[in-house]
Amino acid sequence: MQQLNFPSYSFRFKNSENKVSIFDEIRKKFIILTPEEWVRQHVVRFLLEEKKIPKSLINVEKVLFVNGLRKRYDVVVFNSDGSINILVECKAPEVKIAQATFDQIARYNMTMNATLLMVSNGLNHYFCQMDYENEKYHFLPDLPQYKTN
């Protein structure tokens, strides 16, 4: 798999029926390794190891409904009170991060109401702080470190 713009992490892999799978620590199972999954697993490790977010607050690939349509978010980080701290959208490295990607995460966030947004294709990462009062968002240079309440 392609080298990504994250620190180097070690992953567990397995090969079955000529398909490589990667172990997802959050879902506690092997997932077929696609380019987008490679990015998703790096994001999860980044949140766990660099931002020190407890594993119990991270959720991966769950269904949400947006305007009555069934969608799946990539990664969500909850606050200890159950509200959503970070909503993450992952794309494969060959997918350019464009306005459509920000529109997608904005649509998801209309349902989720996250405090922070992260968009990554593994090579480029964008972080936003939501400002619901003024109906806009502010780009950040990085995600803040996790703090216990």
Protein backbone atom coordinates (compact mmCIF):
# COMPACT_ATOMS: atom_id res chain seq x y z
CA MET A 1 0.00 0.00 0.00
CA GLN A 2 0.97 3.59 -0.60
CA GLN A 3 2.99 5.57 1.96
CA LEU A 4 0.70 8.12 3.63
CA ASN A 5 1.29 11.46 5.33
CA PHE A 6 0.97 10.01 8.85
CA PRO A 7 3.54 8.71 11.32
CA SER A 8 4.55 5.10 10.68
CA TYR A 9 2.24 2.62 12.44
CA SER A 10 2.34 -1.17 12.60
CA PHE A 11 -0.78 -3.02 11.52
CA ARG A 12 -1.92 -6.65 11.55
CA PHE A 13 -2.67 -8.14 8.14
CA LYS A 14 -4.00 -11.45 6.92
CA ASN A 15 -4.33 -12.93 3.47
CA SER A 16 -7.26 -15.13 2.50
CA GLU A 17 -8.66 -16.01 -0.91
CA ASN A 18 -6.04 -13.72 -2.51
CA LYS A 19 -7.40 -10.71 -0.61
CA VAL A 20 -5.41 -8.83 2.00
CA SER A 21 -7.26 -7.71 5.14
CA ILE A 22 -6.22 -5.30 7.87
CA PHE A 23 -7.25 -5.62 11.51
CA ASP A 24 -9.47 -2.79 12.74
CA GLU A 25 -8.86 -2.21 16.47
CA ILE A 26 -12.20 -0.44 16.87
CA ARG A 27 -14.43 -2.94 15.06
CA LYS A 28 -12.26 -5.80 16.39
CA LYS A 29 -12.19 -7.66 13.08
CA PHE A 30 -10.28 -7.94 9.82
CA ILE A 31 -11.51 -5.66 7.01
CA ILE A 32 -10.60 -6.05 3.32
CA LEU A 33 -7.78 -3.64 2.61
CA THR A 34 -8.89 -1.03 0.09
CA PRO A 35 -7.09 2.30 -0.45
CA GLU A 36 -9.82 4.08 1.55
CA GLU A 37 -9.57 1.51 4.38
CA TRP A 38 -5.80 2.08 4.46
CA VAL A 39 -6.47 5.79 5.07
CA ARG A 40 -9.23 5.03 7.63
CA GLN A 41 -6.92 2.77 9.65
CA HIS A 42 -4.20 5.43 9.66
CA VAL A 43 -6.73 8.02 10.84
CA VAL A 44 -7.82 5.73 13.69
CA ARG A 45 -4.20 5.19 14.74
CA PHE A 46 -3.54 8.94 14.49
CA LEU A 47 -6.48 9.62 16.82
CA LEU A 48 -5.41 6.89 19.26
CA GLU A 49 -1.66 7.42 19.32
CA GLU A 50 -1.08 11.09 18.45
CA LYS A 51 -4.23 12.67 19.91
CA LYS A 52 -4.52 10.20 22.83
CA ILE A 53 -8.25 9.67 22.30
CA PRO A 54 -9.56 6.67 24.28
CA LYS A 55 -10.55 3.73 22.07
CA SER A 56 -13.96 3.62 23.79
CA LEU A 57 -14.86 7.05 22.32
CA ILE A 58 -14.10 6.12 18.68
CA ASN A 59 -16.68 4.64 16.32
CA VAL A 60 -15.97 3.44 12.76
CA GLU A 61 -18.24 2.93 9.72
CA LYS A 62 -21.73 3.22 11.14
CA VAL A 63 -24.99 4.04 9.38
CA LEU A 64 -26.56 7.47 9.58
CA PHE A 65 -29.54 8.93 7.75
CA VAL A 66 -29.15 12.17 5.80
CA ASN A 67 -32.37 13.56 4.33
CA GLY A 68 -33.90 10.08 4.60
CA LEU A 69 -30.98 8.47 2.72
CA ARG A 70 -28.91 5.74 4.31
CA LYS A 71 -25.22 6.77 4.48
CA ARG A 72 -22.13 5.56 6.36
CA TYR A 73 -19.71 7.80 8.19
CA ASP A 74 -16.04 6.84 8.32
CA VAL A 75 -14.97 7.76 11.86
CA VAL A 76 -16.65 9.55 14.76
CA VAL A 77 -15.10 10.56 18.06
CA PHE A 78 -17.59 11.04 20.87
CA ASN A 79 -17.31 13.22 23.95
CA SER A 80 -17.79 11.44 27.27
CA ASP A 81 -21.37 12.83 27.41
CA GLY A 82 -22.27 11.11 24.11
CA SER A 83 -22.20 14.24 21.95
CA ILE A 84 -19.98 14.16 18.87
CA ASN A 85 -16.57 15.77 19.11
CA ILE A 86 -15.01 14.87 15.73
CA LEU A 87 -16.54 13.69 12.45
CA VAL A 88 -13.99 12.30 9.97
CA GLU A 89 -14.40 11.70 6.24
CA CYS A 90 -11.76 9.49 4.59
CA LYS A 91 -11.04 9.23 0.90
CA ALA A 92 -8.61 7.01 -1.00
CA PRO A 93 -5.22 8.67 -1.67
CA GLU A 94 -5.95 9.04 -5.39
CA VAL A 95 -9.15 11.00 -4.64
CA LYS A 96 -8.49 14.72 -4.60
CA ILE A 97 -10.03 16.59 -1.69
CA ALA A 98 -12.39 19.02 -3.41
CA GLN A 99 -15.46 21.08 -2.56
CA ALA A 100 -17.65 17.98 -3.06
CA THR A 101 -15.83 16.29 -0.15
CA PHE A 102 -16.49 19.27 2.14
CA ASP A 103 -20.12 19.34 0.95
CA GLN A 104 -20.45 15.63 1.83
CA ILE A 105 -19.09 16.02 5.37
CA ALA A 106 -21.22 19.17 5.84
CA ARG A 107 -24.36 17.19 4.88
CA TYR A 108 -23.41 14.43 7.33
CA ASN A 109 -22.70 17.00 10.01
CA MET A 110 -26.20 18.50 9.68
CA THR A 111 -27.31 15.25 11.36
CA MET A 112 -24.27 14.74 13.60
CA ASN A 113 -23.51 18.26 14.95
CA ALA A 114 -19.81 17.58 15.55
CA THR A 115 -17.56 20.19 17.13
CA LEU A 116 -14.66 19.39 14.78
CA LEU A 117 -14.41 18.01 11.25
CA MET A 118 -11.49 16.18 9.65
CA VAL A 119 -11.16 15.33 5.97
CA SER A 120 -8.24 13.20 4.76
CA ASN A 121 -7.12 11.24 1.74
CA GLY A 122 -4.06 10.12 3.67
CA LEU A 123 -1.86 12.65 1.89
CA ASN A 124 -3.72 15.86 2.71
CA HIS A 125 -5.57 16.49 5.96
CA TYR A 126 -8.01 19.32 6.69
CA PHE A 127 -9.31 20.19 10.14
CA CYS A 128 -12.24 22.53 10.86
CA GLN A 129 -13.77 23.93 14.04
CA MET A 130 -17.52 24.45 13.69
CA ASP A 131 -19.05 27.81 14.62
CA TYR A 132 -22.77 27.05 14.81
CA GLU A 133 -23.68 30.47 16.17
CA ASN A 134 -22.35 32.24 13.05
CA GLU A 135 -23.07 29.29 10.70
CA LYS A 136 -19.51 28.86 9.47
CA TYR A 137 -16.35 26.90 10.17
CA HIS A 138 -12.73 27.83 10.76
CA PHE A 139 -9.80 25.83 9.39
CA LEU A 140 -7.30 24.65 12.02
CA PRO A 141 -3.65 23.66 11.50
CA ASP A 142 -4.23 20.41 13.47
CA LEU A 143 -6.73 18.67 15.72
CA PRO A 144 -6.45 19.64 19.38
CA GLN A 145 -5.08 17.05 21.80
CA TYR A 146 -7.75 15.05 23.68
CA LYS A 147 -8.58 16.41 27.12
CA THR A 148 -10.49 14.56 29.80
CA ASN A 149 -13.39 16.55 31.21
